[in-house]
Amino acid sequence: MAENKRQLMKSLSFLSSVGIAMVASSFIGLFIGYYLDKWLGTSPWMTLIWLGFGIASGFRNIFILARRALREEGQNEEQDQRKDGSD
């Protein structure tokens, strides 16, 4: 029972970090583009370009987080198999 609860909390923390990474990178790109547009007078082009960079960065972060989670899950499964085989 405690193991299930621990796995649930781990999954929830992973999902929240994915969401935060996507939103934060998008907003950072949006704000950079907005202020560059105000400074250079190029509205709306810098906003759109930097928002695109932010969204791309968010998807890159999701890819990295997912790959890391899959690698950790694979390592956990290998450890479980070793424990079961050594009994």
N, C-alpha and C. Protein backbone atom coordinates (compact mmCIF):
# COMPACT_ATOMS: atom_id res chain seq x y z
N MET A 1 0.82 -1.19 0.00
CA MET A 1 0.00 0.00 0.00
C MET A 1 0.87 1.25 0.00
N ALA A 2 1.90 1.27 0.82
CA ALA A 2 2.78 2.43 0.88
C ALA A 2 3.54 2.61 -0.43
N GLU A 3 3.87 1.49 -1.08
CA GLU A 3 4.58 1.56 -2.37
C GLU A 3 3.68 2.18 -3.45
N ASN A 4 2.40 1.83 -3.43
CA ASN A 4 1.47 2.42 -4.40
C ASN A 4 1.32 3.91 -4.19
N LYS A 5 1.25 4.32 -2.95
CA LYS A 5 1.13 5.74 -2.64
C LYS A 5 2.39 6.49 -3.07
N ARG A 6 3.53 5.89 -2.85
CA ARG A 6 4.80 6.50 -3.25
C ARG A 6 4.87 6.64 -4.76
N GLN A 7 4.43 5.62 -5.48
CA GLN A 7 4.43 5.67 -6.95
C GLN A 7 3.46 6.73 -7.46
N LEU A 8 2.31 6.86 -6.82
CA LEU A 8 1.33 7.87 -7.20
C LEU A 8 1.91 9.27 -7.02
N MET A 9 2.55 9.52 -5.89
CA MET A 9 3.16 10.82 -5.63
C MET A 9 4.27 11.12 -6.63
N LYS A 10 5.04 10.10 -6.97
CA LYS A 10 6.11 10.28 -7.94
C LYS A 10 5.54 10.64 -9.31
N SER A 11 4.46 9.98 -9.70
CA SER A 11 3.81 10.27 -10.98
C SER A 11 3.22 11.67 -11.00
N LEU A 12 2.58 12.06 -9.91
CA LEU A 12 2.01 13.41 -9.84
C LEU A 12 3.08 14.48 -9.90
N SER A 13 4.19 14.26 -9.23
CA SER A 13 5.26 15.25 -9.27
C SER A 13 5.86 15.35 -10.67
N PHE A 14 5.97 14.22 -11.37
CA PHE A 14 6.47 14.24 -12.74
C PHE A 14 5.53 15.02 -13.65
N LEU A 15 4.24 14.76 -13.54
CA LEU A 15 3.27 15.45 -14.40
C LEU A 15 3.23 16.95 -14.11
N SER A 16 3.33 17.32 -12.85
CA SER A 16 3.32 18.75 -12.54
C SER A 16 4.58 19.43 -13.04
N SER A 17 5.72 18.75 -12.97
CA SER A 17 6.95 19.36 -13.48
C SER A 17 6.91 19.52 -14.99
N VAL A 18 6.26 18.59 -15.68
CA VAL A 18 6.10 18.71 -17.13
C VAL A 18 5.24 19.93 -17.46
N GLY A 19 4.14 20.09 -16.76
CA GLY A 19 3.26 21.23 -17.00
C GLY A 19 3.93 22.56 -16.70
N ILE A 20 4.64 22.61 -15.60
CA ILE A 20 5.33 23.84 -15.22
C ILE A 20 6.42 24.19 -16.23
N ALA A 21 7.15 23.18 -16.70
CA ALA A 21 8.21 23.42 -17.68
C ALA A 21 7.65 24.00 -18.98
N MET A 22 6.52 23.47 -19.43
CA MET A 22 5.92 23.95 -20.67
C MET A 22 5.41 25.38 -20.54
N VAL A 23 4.68 25.64 -19.47
CA VAL A 23 4.10 26.97 -19.27
C VAL A 23 5.20 28.01 -19.05
N ALA A 24 6.17 27.69 -18.22
CA ALA A 24 7.22 28.66 -17.90
C ALA A 24 8.04 29.02 -19.14
N SER A 25 8.42 28.04 -19.93
CA SER A 25 9.22 28.35 -21.11
C SER A 25 8.41 29.15 -22.14
N SER A 26 7.13 28.86 -22.27
CA SER A 26 6.29 29.63 -23.19
C SER A 26 6.17 31.08 -22.74
N PHE A 27 5.94 31.30 -21.45
CA PHE A 27 5.82 32.66 -20.95
C PHE A 27 7.13 33.43 -21.05
N ILE A 28 8.24 32.76 -20.81
CA ILE A 28 9.54 33.43 -20.94
C ILE A 28 9.75 33.90 -22.38
N GLY A 29 9.47 33.03 -23.34
CA GLY A 29 9.59 33.41 -24.75
C GLY A 29 8.65 34.55 -25.11
N LEU A 30 7.42 34.50 -24.59
CA LEU A 30 6.44 35.54 -24.85
C LEU A 30 6.92 36.89 -24.31
N PHE A 31 7.40 36.91 -23.09
CA PHE A 31 7.84 38.17 -22.49
C PHE A 31 9.08 38.74 -23.18
N ILE A 32 10.02 37.87 -23.55
CA ILE A 32 11.21 38.35 -24.27
C ILE A 32 10.78 38.99 -25.59
N GLY A 33 9.92 38.32 -26.34
CA GLY A 33 9.45 38.86 -27.60
C GLY A 33 8.67 40.15 -27.44
N TYR A 34 7.84 40.23 -26.42
CA TYR A 34 7.05 41.43 -26.17
C TYR A 34 7.94 42.63 -25.88
N TYR A 35 8.93 42.45 -25.02
CA TYR A 35 9.80 43.58 -24.69
C TYR A 35 10.73 43.95 -25.84
N LEU A 36 11.14 42.97 -26.64
CA LEU A 36 11.93 43.30 -27.83
C LEU A 36 11.09 44.07 -28.83
N ASP A 37 9.82 43.72 -28.97
CA ASP A 37 8.93 44.47 -29.86
C ASP A 37 8.76 45.91 -29.39
N LYS A 38 8.61 46.09 -28.09
CA LYS A 38 8.47 47.46 -27.56
C LYS A 38 9.75 48.26 -27.80
N TRP A 39 10.90 47.63 -27.62
CA TRP A 39 12.19 48.30 -27.73
C TRP A 39 12.53 48.60 -29.20
N LEU A 40 12.27 47.63 -30.09
CA LEU A 40 12.64 47.78 -31.49
C LEU A 40 11.51 48.29 -32.38
N GLY A 41 10.29 48.29 -31.88
CA GLY A 41 9.15 48.73 -32.68
C GLY A 41 8.80 47.79 -33.81
N THR A 42 8.93 46.50 -33.58
CA THR A 42 8.70 45.51 -34.63
C THR A 42 7.44 44.69 -34.41
N SER A 43 6.51 45.22 -33.66
CA SER A 43 5.31 44.48 -33.26
C SER A 43 4.60 43.89 -34.47
N PRO A 44 4.14 42.70 -34.45
CA PRO A 44 4.15 41.63 -33.46
C PRO A 44 5.21 40.57 -33.72
N TRP A 45 6.16 40.84 -34.59
CA TRP A 45 7.06 39.80 -35.09
C TRP A 45 7.96 39.19 -34.03
N MET A 46 8.59 39.98 -33.22
CA MET A 46 9.46 39.41 -32.19
C MET A 46 8.66 38.60 -31.17
N THR A 47 7.46 39.07 -30.87
CA THR A 47 6.62 38.32 -29.94
C THR A 47 6.31 36.94 -30.50
N LEU A 48 5.94 36.88 -31.77
CA LEU A 48 5.62 35.59 -32.38
C LEU A 48 6.84 34.69 -32.48
N ILE A 49 7.96 35.26 -32.88
CA ILE A 49 9.18 34.46 -33.03
C ILE A 49 9.62 33.90 -31.69
N TRP A 50 9.68 34.75 -30.67
CA TRP A 50 10.15 34.30 -29.36
C TRP A 50 9.13 33.40 -28.66
N LEU A 51 7.85 33.60 -28.92
CA LEU A 51 6.85 32.66 -28.41
C LEU A 51 7.07 31.28 -29.03
N GLY A 52 7.37 31.25 -30.32
CA GLY A 52 7.70 29.97 -30.96
C GLY A 52 8.91 29.31 -30.35
N PHE A 53 9.96 30.12 -30.07
CA PHE A 53 11.14 29.57 -29.38
C PHE A 53 10.77 29.02 -28.01
N GLY A 54 9.91 29.74 -27.29
CA GLY A 54 9.50 29.29 -25.96
C GLY A 54 8.73 27.98 -26.01
N ILE A 55 7.82 27.87 -26.97
CA ILE A 55 7.05 26.63 -27.11
C ILE A 55 7.96 25.47 -27.50
N ALA A 56 8.88 25.73 -28.42
CA ALA A 56 9.84 24.67 -28.81
C ALA A 56 10.69 24.25 -27.63
N SER A 57 11.10 25.21 -26.83
CA SER A 57 11.88 24.90 -25.63
C SER A 57 11.06 24.08 -24.64
N GLY A 58 9.78 24.39 -24.52
CA GLY A 58 8.91 23.62 -23.63
C GLY A 58 8.79 22.17 -24.07
N PHE A 59 8.63 21.94 -25.37
CA PHE A 59 8.56 20.57 -25.86
C PHE A 59 9.90 19.86 -25.68
N ARG A 60 10.99 20.59 -25.83
CA ARG A 60 12.31 19.98 -25.60
C ARG A 60 12.44 19.56 -24.14
N ASN A 61 11.97 20.41 -23.22
CA ASN A 61 12.01 20.07 -21.79
C ASN A 61 11.16 18.84 -21.49
N ILE A 62 9.98 18.76 -22.13
CA ILE A 62 9.13 17.60 -21.93
C ILE A 62 9.83 16.34 -22.43
N PHE A 63 10.47 16.42 -23.58
CA PHE A 63 11.20 15.28 -24.12
C PHE A 63 12.30 14.83 -23.17
N ILE A 64 13.06 15.78 -22.63
CA ILE A 64 14.16 15.45 -21.71
C ILE A 64 13.61 14.82 -20.44
N LEU A 65 12.54 15.39 -19.87
CA LEU A 65 11.96 14.85 -18.65
C LEU A 65 11.40 13.45 -18.87
N ALA A 66 10.74 13.23 -20.00
CA ALA A 66 10.17 11.92 -20.30
C ALA A 66 11.27 10.88 -20.49
N ARG A 67 12.33 11.26 -21.19
CA ARG A 67 13.44 10.32 -21.40
C ARG A 67 14.09 9.95 -20.08
N ARG A 68 14.26 10.94 -19.20
CA ARG A 68 14.84 10.67 -17.88
C ARG A 68 13.94 9.75 -17.06
N ALA A 69 12.64 9.98 -17.10
CA ALA A 69 11.71 9.14 -16.34
C ALA A 69 11.70 7.71 -16.87
N LEU A 70 11.76 7.55 -18.19
CA LEU A 70 11.80 6.20 -18.76
C LEU A 70 13.09 5.49 -18.40
N ARG A 71 14.20 6.21 -18.38
CA ARG A 71 15.47 5.61 -18.01
C ARG A 71 15.44 5.16 -16.55
N GLU A 72 14.90 5.99 -15.67
CA GLU A 72 14.81 5.62 -14.26
C GLU A 72 13.89 4.43 -14.07
N GLU A 73 12.79 4.38 -14.81
CA GLU A 73 11.86 3.25 -14.72
C GLU A 73 12.53 1.97 -15.17
N GLY A 74 13.31 2.05 -16.25
CA GLY A 74 14.04 0.88 -16.72
C GLY A 74 15.06 0.39 -15.70
N GLN A 75 15.74 1.31 -15.03
CA GLN A 75 16.69 0.93 -14.00
C GLN A 75 15.99 0.28 -12.82
N ASN A 76 14.83 0.81 -12.46
CA ASN A 76 14.07 0.22 -11.35
C ASN A 76 13.60 -1.19 -11.70
N GLU A 77 13.18 -1.40 -12.93
CA GLU A 77 12.74 -2.73 -13.35
C GLU A 77 13.90 -3.72 -13.34
N GLU A 78 15.09 -3.27 -13.76
CA GLU A 78 16.26 -4.14 -13.73
C GLU A 78 16.60 -4.53 -12.30
N GLN A 79 16.52 -3.58 -11.37
CA GLN A 79 16.80 -3.88 -9.97
C GLN A 79 15.77 -4.86 -9.41
N ASP A 80 14.51 -4.69 -9.78
CA ASP A 80 13.47 -5.61 -9.31
C ASP A 80 13.70 -7.01 -9.85
N GLN A 81 14.13 -7.12 -11.11
CA GLN A 81 14.39 -8.42 -11.70
C GLN A 81 15.57 -9.10 -11.01
N ARG A 82 16.59 -8.31 -10.66
CA ARG A 82 17.75 -8.87 -9.95
C ARG A 82 17.34 -9.38 -8.58
N LYS A 83 16.48 -8.62 -7.89
CA LYS A 83 16.01 -9.06 -6.57
C LYS A 83 15.20 -10.35 -6.68
N ASP A 84 14.33 -10.44 -7.68
CA ASP A 84 13.51 -11.63 -7.86
C ASP A 84 14.35 -12.82 -8.26
N GLY A 85 15.38 -12.60 -9.04
CA GLY A 85 16.23 -13.70 -9.49
C GLY A 85 17.17 -14.21 -8.42
N SER A 86 17.52 -13.38 -7.44
CA SER A 86 18.47 -13.78 -6.42
C SER A 86 17.81 -14.50 -5.25
N ASP A 87 16.46 -14.45 -5.19
CA ASP A 87 15.77 -15.13 -4.08
C ASP A 87 15.80 -16.60 -4.18
